[in-house]
C-alpha atoms as a PDB file:
ATOM      1  CA  MET A   1      49.300  69.281  78.141  1.00  0.00           C
ATOM      2  CA  ARG A   2      46.282  72.457  77.144  1.00  0.00           C
ATOM      3  CA  ARG A   3      43.049  71.685  78.736  1.00  0.00           C
ATOM      4  CA  ALA A   4      40.119  73.278  76.455  1.00  0.00           C
ATOM      5  CA  LYS A   5      38.007  74.120  79.031  1.00  0.00           C
ATOM      6  CA  THR A   6      34.363  75.187  77.989  1.00  0.00           C
ATOM      7  CA  SER A   7      33.417  78.361  80.417  1.00  0.00           C
ATOM      8  CA  ASP A   8      29.468  77.123  80.837  1.00  0.00           C
ATOM      9  CA  HIS A   9      29.571  76.925  84.986  1.00  0.00           C
ATOM     10  CA  GLY A  10      26.728  78.824  85.681  1.00  0.00           C
ATOM     11  CA  GLY A  11      27.339  82.061  83.327  1.00  0.00           C
ATOM     12  CA  GLY A  12      23.994  80.664  81.743  1.00  0.00           C
ATOM     13  CA  GLU A  13      25.680  80.533  78.359  1.00  0.00           C
ATOM     14  CA  SER A  14      24.401  78.326  75.705  1.00  0.00           C
ATOM     15  CA  LYS A  15      25.558  75.412  74.862  1.00  0.00           C
ATOM     16  CA  THR A  16      26.160  76.014  70.803  1.00  0.00           C
ATOM     17  CA  ARG A  17      28.495  79.552  72.248  1.00  0.00           C
ATOM     18  CA  THR A  18      30.163  77.439  74.688  1.00  0.00           C
ATOM     19  CA  VAL A  19      31.198  74.424  72.368  1.00  0.00           C
ATOM     20  CA  THR A  20      32.020  77.132  69.429  1.00  0.00           C
ATOM     21  CA  GLY A  21      34.610  78.612  72.644  1.00  0.00           C
ATOM     22  CA  LEU A  22      36.571  75.183  73.338  1.00  0.00           C
ATOM     23  CA  LEU A  23      36.813  74.324  69.338  1.00  0.00           C
ATOM     24  CA  ARG A  24      38.003  77.913  68.977  1.00  0.00           C
ATOM     25  CA  VAL A  25      40.656  77.628  71.561  1.00  0.00           C
ATOM     26  CA  ALA A  26      41.695  74.058  70.798  1.00  0.00           C
ATOM     27  CA  ARG A  27      42.362  75.125  66.715  1.00  0.00           C
ATOM     28  CA  TYR A  28      44.383  78.138  68.035  1.00  0.00           C
ATOM     29  CA  VAL A  29      46.735  75.553  70.277  1.00  0.00           C
ATOM     30  CA  VAL A  30      46.548  73.106  67.400  1.00  0.00           C
ATOM     31  CA  HIS A  31      47.615  76.204  64.768  1.00  0.00           C
ATOM     32  CA  ASN A  32      50.291  77.152  66.818  1.00  0.00           C
ATOM     33  CA  ASP A  33      51.724  74.219  67.882  1.00  0.00           C
ATOM     34  CA  LEU A  34      51.281  75.001  71.637  1.00  0.00           C
ATOM     35  CA  ALA A  35      50.814  71.523  73.054  1.00  0.00           C
ATOM     36  CA  GLN A  36      50.870  68.223  72.110  1.00  0.00           C
ATOM     37  CA  TYR A  37      47.897  67.027  74.314  1.00  0.00           C
ATOM     38  CA  LEU A  38      44.804  68.122  75.095  1.00  0.00           C
ATOM     39  CA  GLY A  39      42.630  68.485  78.392  1.00  0.00           C
ATOM     40  CA  VAL A  40      38.923  68.553  78.690  1.00  0.00           C
ATOM     41  CA  ALA A  41      36.892  68.656  81.390  1.00  0.00           C
ATOM     42  CA  ILE A  42      34.269  66.089  80.320  1.00  0.00           C
ATOM     43  CA  VAL A  43      33.871  63.193  77.281  1.00  0.00           C
ATOM     44  CA  GLU A  44      31.230  65.149  75.281  1.00  0.00           C
ATOM     45  CA  GLU A  45      33.877  67.755  75.003  1.00  0.00           C
ATOM     46  CA  GLY A  46      36.234  65.473  73.314  1.00  0.00           C
ATOM     47  CA  ILE A  47      34.249  63.927  71.401  1.00  0.00           C
ATOM     48  CA  ALA A  48      33.515  67.897  69.905  1.00  0.00           C
ATOM     49  CA  LEU A  49      36.619  67.837  68.814  1.00  0.00           C
ATOM     50  CA  ARG A  50      36.868  64.292  67.624  1.00  0.00           C
ATOM     51  CA  THR A  51      34.030  65.522  65.533  1.00  0.00           C
ATOM     52  CA  ALA A  52      35.686  68.544  64.402  1.00  0.00           C
ATOM     53  CA  ARG A  53      38.944  66.338  63.075  1.00  0.00           C
ATOM     54  CA  ILE A  54      41.107  68.009  66.311  1.00  0.00           C
ATOM     55  CA  LEU A  55      43.552  64.173  66.364  1.00  0.00           C
ATOM     56  CA  HIS A  56      45.877  65.365  69.186  1.00  0.00           C
ATOM     57  CA  PRO A  57      45.574  62.939  71.960  1.00  0.00           C
ATOM     58  CA  ILE A  58      42.673  64.529  74.367  1.00  0.00           C
ATOM     59  CA  LEU A  59      42.118  63.601  77.721  1.00  0.00           C
ATOM     60  CA  ALA A  60      38.790  64.078  79.714  1.00  0.00           C
ATOM     61  CA  PHE A  61      39.235  64.795  83.310  1.00  0.00           C
ATOM     62  CA  THR A  62      36.024  63.342  84.821  1.00  0.00           C
ATOM     63  CA  ALA A  63      35.826  59.993  85.628  1.00  0.00           C
ATOM     64  CA  PRO A  64      33.241  58.626  82.697  1.00  0.00           C
ATOM     65  CA  GLU A  65      29.486  57.163  83.593  1.00  0.00           C
ATOM     66  CA  PRO A  66      29.467  53.031  83.241  1.00  0.00           C
ATOM     67  CA  SER A  67      27.564  54.211  79.463  1.00  0.00           C
ATOM     68  CA  GLN A  68      30.161  56.309  78.749  1.00  0.00           C
ATOM     69  CA  LEU A  69      32.596  54.009  78.346  1.00  0.00           C
ATOM     70  CA  SER A  70      31.967  52.801  74.473  1.00  0.00           C
ATOM     71  CA  LEU A  71      32.783  56.670  73.576  1.00  0.00           C
ATOM     72  CA  TYR A  72      36.086  56.600  75.170  1.00  0.00           C
ATOM     73  CA  ALA A  73      37.216  54.117  72.445  1.00  0.00           C
ATOM     74  CA  HIS A  74      34.765  54.756  69.711  1.00  0.00           C
ATOM     75  CA  TYR A  75      36.220  58.217  70.039  1.00  0.00           C
ATOM     76  CA  GLY A  76      39.830  57.621  70.951  1.00  0.00           C
ATOM     77  CA  ILE A  77      39.641  60.091  73.886  1.00  0.00           C
ATOM     78  CA  ASP A  78      41.932  59.000  77.331  1.00  0.00           C
ATOM     79  CA  ALA A  79      39.505  58.237  80.355  1.00  0.00           C
ATOM     80  CA  ALA A  80      40.231  59.290  83.829  1.00  0.00           C
ATOM     81  CA  VAL A  81      40.459  56.089  85.909  1.00  0.00           C
ATOM     82  CA  THR A  82      39.226  56.203  89.119  1.00  0.00           C
ATOM     83  CA  SER A  83      37.995  52.372  90.578  1.00  0.00           C
ATOM     84  CA  ILE A  84      39.259  48.973  88.912  1.00  0.00           C
ATOM     85  CA  ALA A  85      35.735  48.407  88.231  1.00  0.00           C
ATOM     86  CA  ALA A  86      35.837  50.922  85.525  1.00  0.00           C
ATOM     87  CA  ALA A  87      39.695  49.808  84.190  1.00  0.00           C
ATOM     88  CA  LYS A  88      38.069  46.018  84.076  1.00  0.00           C
ATOM     89  CA  ALA A  89      35.089  47.562  82.117  1.00  0.00           C
ATOM     90  CA  LEU A  90      37.271  49.284  79.602  1.00  0.00           C
ATOM     91  CA  ASN A  91      39.318  46.707  79.144  1.00  0.00           C
ATOM     92  CA  LYS A  92      36.993  44.597  78.361  1.00  0.00           C
ATOM     93  CA  ILE A  93      35.656  47.037  75.550  1.00  0.00           C
ATOM     94  CA  GLY A  94      39.367  47.639  74.055  1.00  0.00           C
ATOM     95  CA  ALA A  95      39.725  43.849  74.061  1.00  0.00           C
ATOM     96  CA  SER A  96      36.072  44.267  71.855  1.00  0.00           C
ATOM     97  CA  ALA A  97      37.632  46.903  69.546  1.00  0.00           C
ATOM     98  CA  GLY A  98      40.726  45.123  69.256  1.00  0.00           C
ATOM     99  CA  ARG A  99      42.685  48.249  70.742  1.00  0.00           C
ATOM    100  CA  LYS A 100      43.917  49.611  73.879  1.00  0.00           C
ATOM    101  CA  ALA A 101      42.041  51.714  75.701  1.00  0.00           C
ATOM    102  CA  SER A 102      44.352  54.470  77.078  1.00  0.00           C
ATOM    103  CA  VAL A 103      43.785  56.222  80.810  1.00  0.00           C
ATOM    104  CA  HIS A 104      45.161  58.395  82.955  1.00  0.00           C
ATOM    105  CA  VAL A 105      44.607  57.342  86.831  1.00  0.00           C
ATOM    106  CA  LYS A 106      43.635  59.496  89.338  1.00  0.00           C
ATOM    107  CA  ILE A 107      44.861  59.786  92.937  1.00  0.00           C
ATOM    108  CA  ASP A 108      43.317  60.841  95.589  1.00  0.00           C
ATOM    109  CA  THR A 109      45.574  62.527  97.860  1.00  0.00           C
ATOM    110  CA  GLY A 110      43.564  65.087  99.557  1.00  0.00           C
ATOM    111  CA  MET A 111      40.946  66.645  97.409  1.00  0.00           C
ATOM    112  CA  GLY A 112      38.343  63.445  98.730  1.00  0.00           C
ATOM    113  CA  ARG A 113      36.357  62.906  95.959  1.00  0.00           C
ATOM    114  CA  LEU A 114      36.964  60.170  93.539  1.00  0.00           C
ATOM    115  CA  GLY A 115      40.409  58.646  92.892  1.00  0.00           C
ATOM    116  CA  ILE A 116      43.175  56.430  94.379  1.00  0.00           C
ATOM    117  CA  ALA A 117      44.317  56.442  97.803  1.00  0.00           C
ATOM    118  CA  PRO A 118      47.829  56.594  97.594  1.00  0.00           C
ATOM    119  CA  ALA A 119      47.830  53.988  99.990  1.00  0.00           C
ATOM    120  CA  ASP A 120      46.259  51.566  96.891  1.00  0.00           C
ATOM    121  CA  ALA A 121      48.026  52.865  94.489  1.00  0.00           C
ATOM    122  CA  LEU A 122      50.903  50.187  93.874  1.00  0.00           C
ATOM    123  CA  GLU A 123      48.371  47.214  94.199  1.00  0.00           C
ATOM    124  CA  PHE A 124      46.251  49.268  91.680  1.00  0.00           C
ATOM    125  CA  PHE A 125      49.032  49.460  89.337  1.00  0.00           C
ATOM    126  CA  ARG A 126      50.251  45.736  89.205  1.00  0.00           C
ATOM    127  CA  SER A 127      45.625  45.318  88.691  1.00  0.00           C
ATOM    128  CA  LEU A 128      46.211  47.279  86.061  1.00  0.00           C
ATOM    129  CA  ARG A 129      49.265  45.298  84.543  1.00  0.00           C
ATOM    130  CA  GLN A 130      47.634  42.571  84.046  1.00  0.00           C
ATOM    131  CA  MET A 131      44.660  44.132  81.774  1.00  0.00           C
ATOM    132  CA  GLU A 132      46.099  43.600  77.942  1.00  0.00           C
ATOM    133  CA  HIS A 133      43.980  46.346  76.573  1.00  0.00           C
ATOM    134  CA  ILE A 134      44.807  48.941  79.085  1.00  0.00           C
ATOM    135  CA  ASP A 135      47.339  51.278  78.560  1.00  0.00           C
ATOM    136  CA  VAL A 136      48.381  53.366  81.113  1.00  0.00           C
ATOM    137  CA  ARG A 137      49.534  56.952  79.626  1.00  0.00           C
ATOM    138  CA  GLY A 138      49.425  59.265  82.540  1.00  0.00           C
ATOM    139  CA  ILE A 139      49.145  59.905  87.006  1.00  0.00           C
ATOM    140  CA  PHE A 140      47.270  62.774  88.155  1.00  0.00           C
ATOM    141  CA  THR A 141      46.599  64.606  91.103  1.00  0.00           C
ATOM    142  CA  HIS A 142      43.965  67.303  91.993  1.00  0.00           C
ATOM    143  CA  PHE A 143      44.328  70.122  94.729  1.00  0.00           C
ATOM    144  CA  ALA A 144      41.592  71.418  96.983  1.00  0.00           C
ATOM    145  CA  THR A 145      43.061  73.801  98.405  1.00  0.00           C
ATOM    146  CA  SER A 146      45.262  75.411  96.133  1.00  0.00           C
ATOM    147  CA  ASP A 147      43.774  79.024  95.904  1.00  0.00           C
ATOM    148  CA  ASP A 148      43.900  79.358  99.748  1.00  0.00           C
ATOM    149  CA  LYS A 149      46.261  81.454 101.489  1.00  0.00           C
ATOM    150  CA  ASP A 150      47.758  78.716 102.736  1.00  0.00           C
ATOM    151  CA  LEU A 151      49.560  76.078 100.437  1.00  0.00           C
ATOM    152  CA  SER A 152      50.621  74.409 103.389  1.00  0.00           C
ATOM    153  CA  TYR A 153      47.706  71.743 102.139  1.00  0.00           C
ATOM    154  CA  THR A 154      48.516  71.750  98.612  1.00  0.00           C
ATOM    155  CA  ARG A 155      51.988  71.368  99.128  1.00  0.00           C
ATOM    156  CA  LYS A 156      51.523  68.488 101.044  1.00  0.00           C
ATOM    157  CA  GLN A 157      49.374  67.009  98.726  1.00  0.00           C
ATOM    158  CA  LEU A 158      52.082  67.884  95.920  1.00  0.00           C
ATOM    159  CA  LYS A 159      54.538  65.719  98.382  1.00  0.00           C
ATOM    160  CA  SER A 160      52.523  62.727  98.336  1.00  0.00           C
ATOM    161  CA  PHE A 161      52.289  62.305  94.777  1.00  0.00           C
ATOM    162  CA  THR A 162      55.677  63.434  93.734  1.00  0.00           C
ATOM    163  CA  THR A 163      56.124  60.115  96.691  1.00  0.00           C
ATOM    164  CA  LEU A 164      54.494  57.735  94.974  1.00  0.00           C
ATOM    165  CA  ARG A 165      55.402  58.566  91.154  1.00  0.00           C
ATOM    166  CA  ARG A 166      58.890  57.936  92.332  1.00  0.00           C
ATOM    167  CA  GLU A 167      57.909  54.585  94.400  1.00  0.00           C
ATOM    168  CA  LEU A 168      56.270  53.669  91.212  1.00  0.00           C
ATOM    169  CA  THR A 169      59.161  53.968  88.510  1.00  0.00           C
ATOM    170  CA  GLY A 170      61.933  52.082  91.330  1.00  0.00           C
ATOM    171  CA  LEU A 171      58.839  49.806  91.140  1.00  0.00           C
ATOM    172  CA  GLY A 172      59.234  49.275  86.744  1.00  0.00           C
ATOM    173  CA  PHE A 173      55.947  51.137  86.125  1.00  0.00           C
ATOM    174  CA  ASP A 174      56.353  52.475  82.906  1.00  0.00           C
ATOM    175  CA  ILE A 175      54.105  56.130  83.696  1.00  0.00           C
ATOM    176  CA  PRO A 176      54.383  58.530  80.694  1.00  0.00           C
ATOM    177  CA  LEU A 177      52.715  61.623  81.718  1.00  0.00           C
ATOM    178  CA  ALA A 178      52.300  63.056  85.152  1.00  0.00           C
ATOM    179  CA  HIS A 179      50.509  65.704  86.093  1.00  0.00           C
ATOM    180  CA  CYS A 180      48.634  68.008  89.125  1.00  0.00           C
ATOM    181  CA  ALA A 181      48.782  71.985  88.921  1.00  0.00           C
ATOM    182  CA  ASN A 182      45.307  73.190  88.469  1.00  0.00           C
ATOM    183  CA  SER A 183      45.198  76.749  87.975  1.00  0.00           C
ATOM    184  CA  ALA A 184      45.446  78.341  90.737  1.00  0.00           C
ATOM    185  CA  ALA A 185      48.337  75.685  91.186  1.00  0.00           C
ATOM    186  CA  ILE A 186      50.347  76.680  88.554  1.00  0.00           C
ATOM    187  CA  MET A 187      50.720  80.163  88.878  1.00  0.00           C
ATOM    188  CA  ARG A 188      51.318  79.787  92.777  1.00  0.00           C
ATOM    189  CA  VAL A 189      53.276  76.415  92.762  1.00  0.00           C
ATOM    190  CA  LYS A 190      56.379  76.223  91.277  1.00  0.00           C
ATOM    191  CA  ASP A 191      57.348  72.818  91.754  1.00  0.00           C
ATOM    192  CA  ALA A 192      53.459  71.623  90.892  1.00  0.00           C
ATOM    193  CA  ALA A 193      54.656  72.399  87.085  1.00  0.00           C
ATOM    194  CA  LEU A 194      55.429  68.832  86.518  1.00  0.00           C
ATOM    195  CA  GLU A 195      56.601  67.426  83.332  1.00  0.00           C
ATOM    196  CA  TYR A 196      53.644  66.740  81.188  1.00  0.00           C
ATOM    197  CA  GLY A 197      55.341  64.165  78.679  1.00  0.00           C
ATOM    198  CA  PRO A 198      58.925  63.466  76.987  1.00  0.00           C
ATOM    199  CA  THR A 199      59.317  67.123  75.437  1.00  0.00           C
ATOM    200  CA  GLY A 200      59.118  68.525  78.970  1.00  0.00           C
ATOM    201  CA  HIS A 201      55.719  70.975  78.648  1.00  0.00           C
ATOM    202  CA  HIS A 202      55.421  72.434  81.413  1.00  0.00           C
ATOM    203  CA  ASP A 203      51.528  74.177  80.693  1.00  0.00           C
ATOM    204  CA  VAL A 204      47.919  74.408  81.336  1.00  0.00           C
ATOM    205  CA  TRP A 205      45.003  75.528  79.250  1.00  0.00           C
ATOM    206  CA  VAL A 206      41.922  77.205  80.740  1.00  0.00           C
ATOM    207  CA  PHE A 207      39.182  78.258  78.420  1.00  0.00           C
ATOM    208  CA  SER A 208      36.692  80.781  80.228  1.00  0.00           C
ATOM    209  CA  HIS A 209      34.497  83.674  78.823  1.00  0.00           C
ATOM    210  CA  GLY A 210      36.323  83.840  75.731  1.00  0.00           C
ATOM    211  CA  ILE A 211      39.825  84.259  77.799  1.00  0.00           C
ATOM    212  CA  ALA A 212      42.531  81.480  77.162  1.00  0.00           C
ATOM    213  CA  SER A 213      44.757  81.698  79.873  1.00  0.00           C
ATOM    214  CA  GLY A 214      47.282  79.747  81.418  1.00  0.00           C
ATOM    215  CA  CYS A 215      50.820  79.194  82.114  1.00  0.00           C
ATOM    216  CA  VAL A 216      53.438  78.575  79.747  1.00  0.00           C
ATOM    217  CA  GLY A 217      57.846  77.466  80.528  1.00  0.00           C
ATOM    218  CA  THR A 218      60.342  74.630  80.724  1.00  0.00           C
ATOM    219  CA  GLY A 219      61.293  75.764  84.261  1.00  0.00           C
ATOM    220  CA  ASN A 220      59.903  79.434  85.976  1.00  0.00           C
ATOM    221  CA  VAL A 221      56.311  79.743  85.354  1.00  0.00           C
ATOM    222  CA  ASN A 222      55.305  82.393  82.969  1.00  0.00           C
ATOM    223  CA  PRO A 223      51.409  82.894  83.415  1.00  0.00           C
ATOM    224  CA  TRP A 224      49.643  85.264  80.594  1.00  0.00           C
ATOM    225  CA  GLU A 225      46.403  85.931  78.826  1.00  0.00           C
ATOM    226  CA  ASP A 226      45.337  86.003  75.309  1.00  0.00           C
ATOM    227  CA  ARG A 227      41.897  86.821  73.936  1.00  0.00           C
ATOM    228  CA  VAL A 228      41.095  84.460  71.351  1.00  0.00           C
ATOM    229  CA  TYR A 229      39.203  85.309  67.951  1.00  0.00           C
END
């Protein structure tokens, strides 16, 4: 998975400039066949990619607002699900649209924001299994302190995530994608580079201030950065 991310995080750039940068990076990734999946921060970025005729699967990492749910179905963007209410709403929208809504379930392994607690995850996935118009494409988490010098908490989160993933697999839940490494973790915690799909891609794409940076490889993490013109 490559993550195309705008740089509008306090940098003072105009909306037009950040969207232009997002499109530039996404087109570079697609043109050079660098990923089978794209990730964006918010659904509006995914819509910008779809409007630009980028057809790769897209995941919006930020949990959707209730008023946005129909946009995911309309533009074919995967939603990050953090509650049963959101899953039920997406299932209803999928039923109305006559197709399944694709979701990635966020697990809260210690970030303390949004997500399903590991202790509640099995019951959550059992509920999803009963929703005929939900297609669970992935499971992911987010590290709270992966840029700290002490990585012990990050490793604790990773262990919790991988343990849950094994339990779900053992119970017959078929979840194609697993991802958890943010920019700091992908460079500092080798075991965090989980596979992003059947091809075994271990990669992340981050866009900031005209620089496309990330990691690519199928085993050893190899940080790199490349200016995209």
